[in-house]
Amino acid sequence: MSRKKPIKAVALISGGLDSILAARLMIDQGITVLPLKVLLPYLPRERDRTGAKSRLISRLEEWAGVPLAGVDASGEAVALLKSPEYGFGSNMNPCLDCRILMLKKGAEFMRRAGADFVVTGEVLGQRGMSQRRQSLEIADRESGIPGLILRPLSGRILPETIPEKQGWVERAKLLSLSGRSRQAQLRLAESVGIKEPVNAAGGCLLTDPIFSGRLRDLCCHEGLERRGFELLKFGRHFRLSEKTKLIVGRDEEENGLLESFAGPGDVLFYTIDVSGPVALARGEFDVGLIALSGSLLAYYCRPAPGCGVKISHRVQAGGAETISYCLPADEKALEAFRIGK
């Protein structure tokens, strides 16, 4: 196949296996692939808590010969949650609007990089809301680059794209996957040297019922903003009143994160004399709600029957420290206040 210049494609990388395989199919056809991650606050990060890069991303960068680029669309992603044009899925997942946002960001990156088209790991029929044939057509149209979005895993059963018509990509070498089964992807992964167990899907917090419950609560009581959204990812969440919420850390890392998120007017709770979680509280507090917060915190210290825990609380910033002796809440009472249960 003669070419006047190397053909370049931007590969949108979700973090899961499918997009990695789609990029590999293009590399195998001699396409220069520029991997791109559109950074959204509800998608998995590419590094684990130790800072290590995921094995899939490392493998992709090795194949492509270039590092994964990132474009931050967090502000736009949070904004679209307020009123997505194409609505929500079964939870708080505006899948089609989110997909359109990612394709638009991919199109912008394509133009800046001088690339020729965009590649995604979408599989026809794999997701009920965003990967139906009609949804794919809407996303192509709304992306601003209709005809320049190639889905190699289902390419042979989708309409011919410009890259195929121009001879940049051989249609016969595309796949014809459809539906929810992952077996074909797992076999393909093994054939290209990915043998460790992997998640075929990238994953999205908005499809999780517990996270979605927290998000609905945030929208209802506090309003949707980036700082509040980030806090939904950490800890155990409790709605104490219409205007008061408590978040209790689950481990040492989350305790530190909750401390770092505390702003003026927020309240931090700590245990005294025994190891236990840190809690961050926001809203309007009275004596009763402070006592309730302390009892919830004490529950996770697991004191001996009939015993309580010394709990310190301080209003940020500059508030005086107050220490209370709190008996632990019983489990039934605790669950009554839990958000997203």
Protein backbone atom coordinates (compact mmCIF):
# COMPACT_ATOMS: atom_id res chain seq x y z
CA MET A 1 0.00 0.00 0.00
CA SER A 2 1.70 3.23 -1.10
CA ARG A 3 1.46 6.26 1.13
CA LYS A 4 2.72 9.79 0.67
CA LYS A 5 3.14 10.24 4.42
CA PRO A 6 2.89 8.06 7.50
CA ILE A 7 -0.70 7.70 8.63
CA LYS A 8 -1.29 8.63 12.26
CA ALA A 9 -4.23 7.76 14.48
CA VAL A 10 -5.17 9.00 17.93
CA ALA A 11 -6.20 6.00 20.04
CA LEU A 12 -8.56 6.86 22.89
CA ILE A 13 -7.49 4.76 25.88
CA SER A 14 -10.08 4.04 28.56
CA GLY A 15 -7.85 2.06 30.90
CA GLY A 16 -9.37 -1.31 29.99
CA LEU A 17 -8.33 -4.04 27.61
CA ASP A 18 -10.57 -3.22 24.63
CA SER A 19 -8.99 0.13 23.80
CA ILE A 20 -5.49 -1.35 24.18
CA LEU A 21 -6.35 -4.09 21.68
CA ALA A 22 -7.90 -1.60 19.24
CA ALA A 23 -4.67 0.40 19.29
CA ARG A 24 -2.63 -2.78 18.75
CA LEU A 25 -4.70 -3.71 15.68
CA MET A 26 -3.79 -0.35 14.17
CA ILE A 27 -0.11 -0.72 15.03
CA ASP A 28 -0.17 -4.12 13.31
CA GLN A 29 -1.39 -2.37 10.15
CA GLY A 30 1.56 -0.01 10.19
CA ILE A 31 -0.36 2.97 11.58
CA THR A 32 1.51 5.36 13.86
CA VAL A 33 -0.60 5.35 17.03
CA LEU A 34 -0.75 8.27 19.47
CA PRO A 35 -2.40 6.94 22.65
CA LEU A 36 -4.56 9.47 24.49
CA LYS A 37 -6.32 9.31 27.83
CA VAL A 38 -9.17 11.78 28.33
CA LEU A 39 -8.98 12.39 32.06
CA LEU A 40 -12.38 12.20 33.73
CA PRO A 41 -12.97 12.17 37.50
CA TYR A 42 -15.08 9.00 37.41
CA LEU A 43 -12.76 6.79 35.33
CA PRO A 44 -9.89 4.69 36.75
CA ARG A 45 -6.47 6.27 37.05
CA GLU A 46 -3.52 4.89 35.12
CA ARG A 47 -1.33 4.51 38.20
CA ASP A 48 -2.02 2.55 41.34
CA ARG A 49 -1.64 3.90 44.87
CA THR A 50 2.12 3.23 44.82
CA GLY A 51 2.50 5.39 41.71
CA ALA A 52 3.21 2.41 39.48
CA LYS A 53 1.88 2.57 35.93
CA SER A 54 -0.61 -0.12 34.93
CA ARG A 55 0.85 -3.09 33.07
CA LEU A 56 -1.55 -2.58 30.16
CA ILE A 57 -0.47 1.03 29.69
CA SER A 58 3.20 0.09 29.90
CA ARG A 59 2.64 -2.56 27.25
CA LEU A 60 0.81 -0.10 24.97
CA GLU A 61 3.56 2.52 25.27
CA GLU A 62 6.11 -0.14 24.36
CA TRP A 63 4.14 -1.07 21.23
CA ALA A 64 3.43 2.51 20.18
CA GLY A 65 6.87 3.84 20.97
CA VAL A 66 5.42 6.98 22.59
CA PRO A 67 4.04 7.70 26.06
CA LEU A 68 0.35 7.94 26.83
CA ALA A 69 -0.79 11.56 26.55
CA GLY A 70 -3.49 13.03 28.77
CA VAL A 71 -6.13 15.70 28.25
CA ASP A 72 -8.01 16.86 31.35
CA ALA A 73 -11.76 17.17 30.79
CA SER A 74 -12.77 16.90 34.46
CA GLY A 75 -14.52 20.26 34.66
CA GLU A 76 -16.60 19.59 31.56
CA ALA A 77 -17.37 16.05 32.74
CA VAL A 78 -18.71 17.20 36.10
CA ALA A 79 -20.73 19.95 34.39
CA LEU A 80 -22.46 17.54 32.01
CA LEU A 81 -23.68 15.48 34.98
CA LYS A 82 -26.05 18.32 35.84
CA SER A 83 -28.15 17.85 32.71
CA PRO A 84 -26.89 15.39 30.09
CA GLU A 85 -28.57 15.86 26.72
CA TYR A 86 -29.02 12.13 26.18
CA GLY A 87 -29.88 11.27 29.78
CA PHE A 88 -28.61 8.77 32.32
CA GLY A 89 -28.28 5.01 32.24
CA SER A 90 -29.44 2.75 35.05
CA ASN A 91 -27.48 4.76 37.63
CA MET A 92 -25.85 8.20 37.29
CA ASN A 93 -23.98 7.33 34.09
CA PRO A 94 -24.53 9.74 31.17
CA CYS A 95 -22.73 7.29 28.88
CA LEU A 96 -23.56 8.78 25.49
CA ASP A 97 -22.86 12.38 26.52
CA CYS A 98 -19.61 11.24 28.11
CA ARG A 99 -18.60 9.35 24.98
CA ILE A 100 -19.29 12.43 22.84
CA LEU A 101 -17.13 14.54 25.17
CA MET A 102 -14.24 12.08 24.85
CA LEU A 103 -14.55 11.97 21.07
CA LYS A 104 -14.53 15.77 20.88
CA LYS A 105 -11.36 15.86 22.96
CA GLY A 106 -9.87 13.17 20.74
CA ALA A 107 -10.76 15.23 17.66
CA GLU A 108 -9.08 18.32 19.11
CA PHE A 109 -5.95 16.33 19.92
CA MET A 110 -6.01 14.79 16.43
CA ARG A 111 -5.95 18.22 14.81
CA ARG A 112 -3.17 19.50 17.06
CA ALA A 113 -1.04 16.41 16.47
CA GLY A 114 -1.59 16.38 12.72
CA ALA A 115 -3.13 12.91 12.94
CA ASP A 116 -5.60 11.50 10.40
CA PHE A 117 -8.31 9.77 12.42
CA VAL A 118 -9.43 8.58 15.87
CA VAL A 119 -9.57 4.98 17.12
CA THR A 120 -11.68 3.66 19.99
CA GLY A 121 -12.10 0.28 21.65
CA GLU A 122 -15.90 0.30 21.45
CA VAL A 123 -17.66 -2.96 20.62
CA LEU A 124 -21.08 -2.90 18.99
CA GLY A 125 -23.76 -3.93 21.50
CA GLN A 126 -21.38 -4.27 24.43
CA ARG A 127 -22.98 -1.46 26.43
CA GLY A 128 -26.70 -0.87 26.31
CA MET A 129 -26.66 2.92 26.32
CA SER A 130 -23.59 4.12 24.42
CA GLN A 131 -22.67 1.25 22.08
CA ARG A 132 -25.91 0.50 20.29
CA ARG A 133 -25.70 1.17 16.57
CA GLN A 134 -27.88 4.28 16.83
CA SER A 135 -25.77 5.61 19.72
CA LEU A 136 -22.57 5.15 17.74
CA GLU A 137 -24.11 7.09 14.86
CA ILE A 138 -25.12 9.93 17.19
CA ALA A 139 -21.65 10.03 18.75
CA ASP A 140 -19.99 10.17 15.32
CA ARG A 141 -22.21 13.05 14.26
CA GLU A 142 -21.76 15.02 17.48
CA SER A 143 -18.00 14.50 17.57
CA GLY A 144 -17.39 16.97 14.75
CA ILE A 145 -15.36 14.41 12.79
CA PRO A 146 -17.98 12.06 11.27
CA GLY A 147 -16.39 9.28 9.26
CA LEU A 148 -13.04 9.65 10.99
CA ILE A 149 -13.80 7.46 14.01
CA LEU A 150 -12.71 3.86 13.56
CA ARG A 151 -13.72 1.03 15.90
CA PRO A 152 -11.36 -1.82 14.94
CA LEU A 153 -12.93 -4.46 17.19
CA SER A 154 -16.28 -4.19 15.37
CA GLY A 155 -15.07 -2.53 12.17
CA ARG A 156 -16.23 -5.18 9.70
CA ILE A 157 -19.87 -4.99 10.86
CA LEU A 158 -20.01 -1.19 11.01
CA PRO A 159 -20.27 1.26 8.08
CA GLU A 160 -17.06 1.85 6.15
CA THR A 161 -15.09 4.81 7.48
CA ILE A 162 -12.92 7.35 5.69
CA PRO A 163 -9.66 5.62 6.78
CA GLU A 164 -10.90 2.47 5.04
CA LYS A 165 -12.13 4.28 1.93
CA GLN A 166 -8.81 6.09 1.63
CA GLY A 167 -6.86 2.84 1.90
CA TRP A 168 -5.13 3.82 5.13
CA VAL A 169 -6.64 0.81 6.90
CA GLU A 170 -7.45 -2.63 5.51
CA ARG A 171 -11.04 -3.45 6.38
CA ALA A 172 -10.39 -7.19 6.04
CA LYS A 173 -7.99 -7.00 8.99
CA LEU A 174 -10.59 -5.43 11.30
CA LEU A 175 -12.68 -7.62 13.61
CA SER A 176 -16.42 -8.21 13.75
CA LEU A 177 -17.04 -8.47 17.49
CA SER A 178 -20.44 -7.69 18.98
CA GLY A 179 -22.26 -8.23 22.25
CA ARG A 180 -21.12 -8.51 25.84
CA SER A 181 -18.91 -11.61 25.72
CA ARG A 182 -15.23 -10.96 26.50
CA GLN A 183 -13.84 -14.27 25.29
CA ALA A 184 -12.65 -12.98 21.90
CA GLN A 185 -10.83 -10.07 23.54
CA LEU A 186 -9.15 -12.38 26.03
CA ARG A 187 -7.99 -14.70 23.24
CA LEU A 188 -6.66 -11.74 21.25
CA ALA A 189 -4.88 -10.42 24.34
CA GLU A 190 -3.13 -13.74 24.83
CA SER A 191 -2.08 -13.80 21.17
CA VAL A 192 -0.27 -10.47 21.57
CA GLY A 193 1.45 -11.48 24.79
CA ILE A 194 -0.97 -10.25 27.46
CA LYS A 195 -1.31 -13.33 29.62
CA GLU A 196 -2.00 -11.89 33.06
CA PRO A 197 -5.67 -11.63 34.10
CA VAL A 198 -7.07 -8.30 33.00
CA ASN A 199 -10.31 -6.41 33.13
CA ALA A 200 -11.68 -6.09 29.62
CA ALA A 201 -13.69 -3.00 30.52
CA GLY A 202 -12.21 0.28 31.68
CA GLY A 203 -14.73 0.71 34.48
CA CYS A 204 -16.71 3.80 35.51
CA LEU A 205 -17.70 4.86 39.00
CA LEU A 206 -21.00 6.26 37.73
CA THR A 207 -22.25 2.75 36.94
CA ASP A 208 -21.74 1.70 40.57
CA PRO A 209 -25.01 1.88 42.58
CA ILE A 210 -23.27 2.93 45.82
CA PHE A 211 -21.27 5.71 44.18
CA SER A 212 -24.36 6.84 42.27
CA GLY A 213 -26.28 7.02 45.54
CA ARG A 214 -23.59 9.27 46.97
CA LEU A 215 -23.70 11.44 43.87
CA ARG A 216 -27.50 11.84 44.05
CA ASP A 217 -27.17 12.82 47.69
CA LEU A 218 -24.51 15.42 46.83
CA CYS A 219 -26.64 16.92 44.06
CA CYS A 220 -29.69 17.04 46.32
CA HIS A 221 -28.09 18.56 49.43
CA GLU A 222 -24.91 20.41 48.46
CA GLY A 223 -24.86 20.93 44.71
CA LEU A 224 -22.43 19.49 42.21
CA GLU A 225 -18.92 20.89 42.25
CA ARG A 226 -15.50 19.33 41.64
CA ARG A 227 -14.23 19.31 45.23
CA GLY A 228 -17.35 17.63 46.56
CA PHE A 229 -17.32 15.13 43.70
CA GLU A 230 -13.75 14.04 44.47
CA LEU A 231 -14.72 13.30 48.07
CA LEU A 232 -17.33 10.79 46.92
CA LYS A 233 -14.49 8.39 46.07
CA PHE A 234 -13.21 8.06 49.62
CA GLY A 235 -14.44 6.71 52.91
CA ARG A 236 -17.83 5.77 54.34
CA HIS A 237 -20.50 8.45 53.81
CA PHE A 238 -23.28 9.33 56.24
CA ARG A 239 -26.09 11.88 55.91
CA LEU A 240 -26.71 13.16 59.44
CA SER A 241 -29.22 15.86 58.52
CA GLU A 242 -30.41 17.81 55.50
CA LYS A 243 -27.40 20.11 55.89
CA THR A 244 -24.79 17.85 57.48
CA LYS A 245 -22.64 15.01 56.13
CA LEU A 246 -19.93 12.89 57.75
CA ILE A 247 -17.22 10.93 55.89
CA VAL A 248 -15.25 8.32 57.85
CA GLY A 249 -11.90 7.07 56.56
CA ARG A 250 -11.38 3.36 55.88
CA ASP A 251 -7.58 3.18 56.13
CA GLU A 252 -4.52 5.30 56.79
CA GLU A 253 -4.36 6.61 53.22
CA GLU A 254 -7.98 7.73 53.27
CA ASN A 255 -7.50 9.35 56.67
CA GLY A 256 -4.75 11.49 55.14
CA LEU A 257 -6.87 12.32 52.09
CA LEU A 258 -9.79 13.45 54.25
CA GLU A 259 -7.46 15.72 56.23
CA SER A 260 -6.14 17.22 53.00
CA PHE A 261 -9.69 17.96 51.78
CA ALA A 262 -10.73 19.78 54.96
CA GLY A 263 -11.51 23.42 54.25
CA PRO A 264 -12.63 26.40 56.32
CA GLY A 265 -15.73 25.55 58.33
CA ASP A 266 -15.26 21.78 57.94
CA VAL A 267 -14.92 19.66 61.08
CA LEU A 268 -12.29 16.96 61.59
CA PHE A 269 -12.86 14.18 64.14
CA TYR A 270 -10.05 12.05 65.60
CA THR A 271 -9.85 9.24 68.13
CA ILE A 272 -7.75 9.69 71.26
CA ASP A 273 -5.77 6.96 73.04
CA VAL A 274 -6.89 4.28 70.58
CA SER A 275 -6.21 3.80 66.89
CA GLY A 276 -9.19 4.62 64.72
CA PRO A 277 -10.38 6.45 61.65
CA VAL A 278 -10.38 10.14 60.86
CA ALA A 279 -13.72 11.69 59.90
CA LEU A 280 -14.43 14.82 57.87
CA ALA A 281 -17.76 16.55 58.42
CA ARG A 282 -19.40 19.34 56.45
CA GLY A 283 -22.49 21.37 57.12
CA GLU A 284 -24.28 22.79 60.16
CA PHE A 285 -23.54 21.20 63.53
CA ASP A 286 -25.19 21.35 66.92
CA VAL A 287 -24.37 19.46 70.11
CA GLY A 288 -26.54 16.49 69.08
CA LEU A 289 -24.91 16.10 65.66
CA ILE A 290 -21.44 16.34 67.15
CA ALA A 291 -22.34 13.56 69.60
CA LEU A 292 -23.81 11.48 66.75
CA SER A 293 -20.63 11.92 64.70
CA GLY A 294 -18.53 10.81 67.64
CA SER A 295 -20.66 7.71 68.17
CA LEU A 296 -20.31 6.71 64.50
CA LEU A 297 -16.54 7.17 64.70
CA ALA A 298 -16.41 5.17 67.94
CA TYR A 299 -18.25 2.27 66.26
CA TYR A 300 -15.25 1.64 64.00
CA CYS A 301 -12.86 1.53 66.98
CA ARG A 302 -14.62 -1.63 68.25
CA PRO A 303 -14.29 -0.84 71.99
CA ALA A 304 -15.11 -3.45 74.62
CA PRO A 305 -18.84 -3.84 75.41
CA GLY A 306 -20.11 -0.95 77.53
CA CYS A 307 -17.00 1.14 76.88
CA GLY A 308 -16.66 4.35 74.90
CA VAL A 309 -13.92 6.23 73.06
CA LYS A 310 -12.47 9.69 73.52
CA ILE A 311 -13.15 11.68 70.36
CA SER A 312 -11.56 15.01 69.46
CA HIS A 313 -13.18 17.41 67.03
CA ARG A 314 -11.96 20.73 65.67
CA VAL A 315 -13.52 23.21 63.25
CA GLN A 316 -11.16 24.22 60.42
CA ALA A 317 -9.38 26.55 60.47
CA GLY A 318 -8.48 27.91 63.87
CA GLY A 319 -11.29 26.32 65.86
CA ALA A 320 -10.64 25.15 69.41
CA GLU A 321 -10.26 21.41 70.02
CA THR A 322 -13.08 19.77 71.98
CA ILE A 323 -12.87 16.28 73.46
CA SER A 324 -15.92 14.11 74.14
CA TYR A 325 -16.43 10.60 75.52
CA CYS A 326 -18.61 8.75 73.03
CA LEU A 327 -20.28 5.36 73.21
CA PRO A 328 -20.34 3.57 69.85
CA ALA A 329 -23.50 3.65 67.75
CA ASP A 330 -25.16 0.30 67.19
CA GLU A 331 -25.01 -1.13 63.68
CA LYS A 332 -28.70 -0.61 62.92
CA ALA A 333 -28.49 3.09 63.78
CA LEU A 334 -25.30 3.46 61.75
CA GLU A 335 -26.85 1.91 58.66
CA ALA A 336 -29.84 4.24 58.92
CA PHE A 337 -27.53 7.20 58.24
CA ARG A 338 -25.36 5.58 55.55
CA ILE A 339 -25.52 7.14 52.05
CA GLY A 340 -25.76 4.84 49.04
CA LYS A 341 -26.41 1.68 51.02
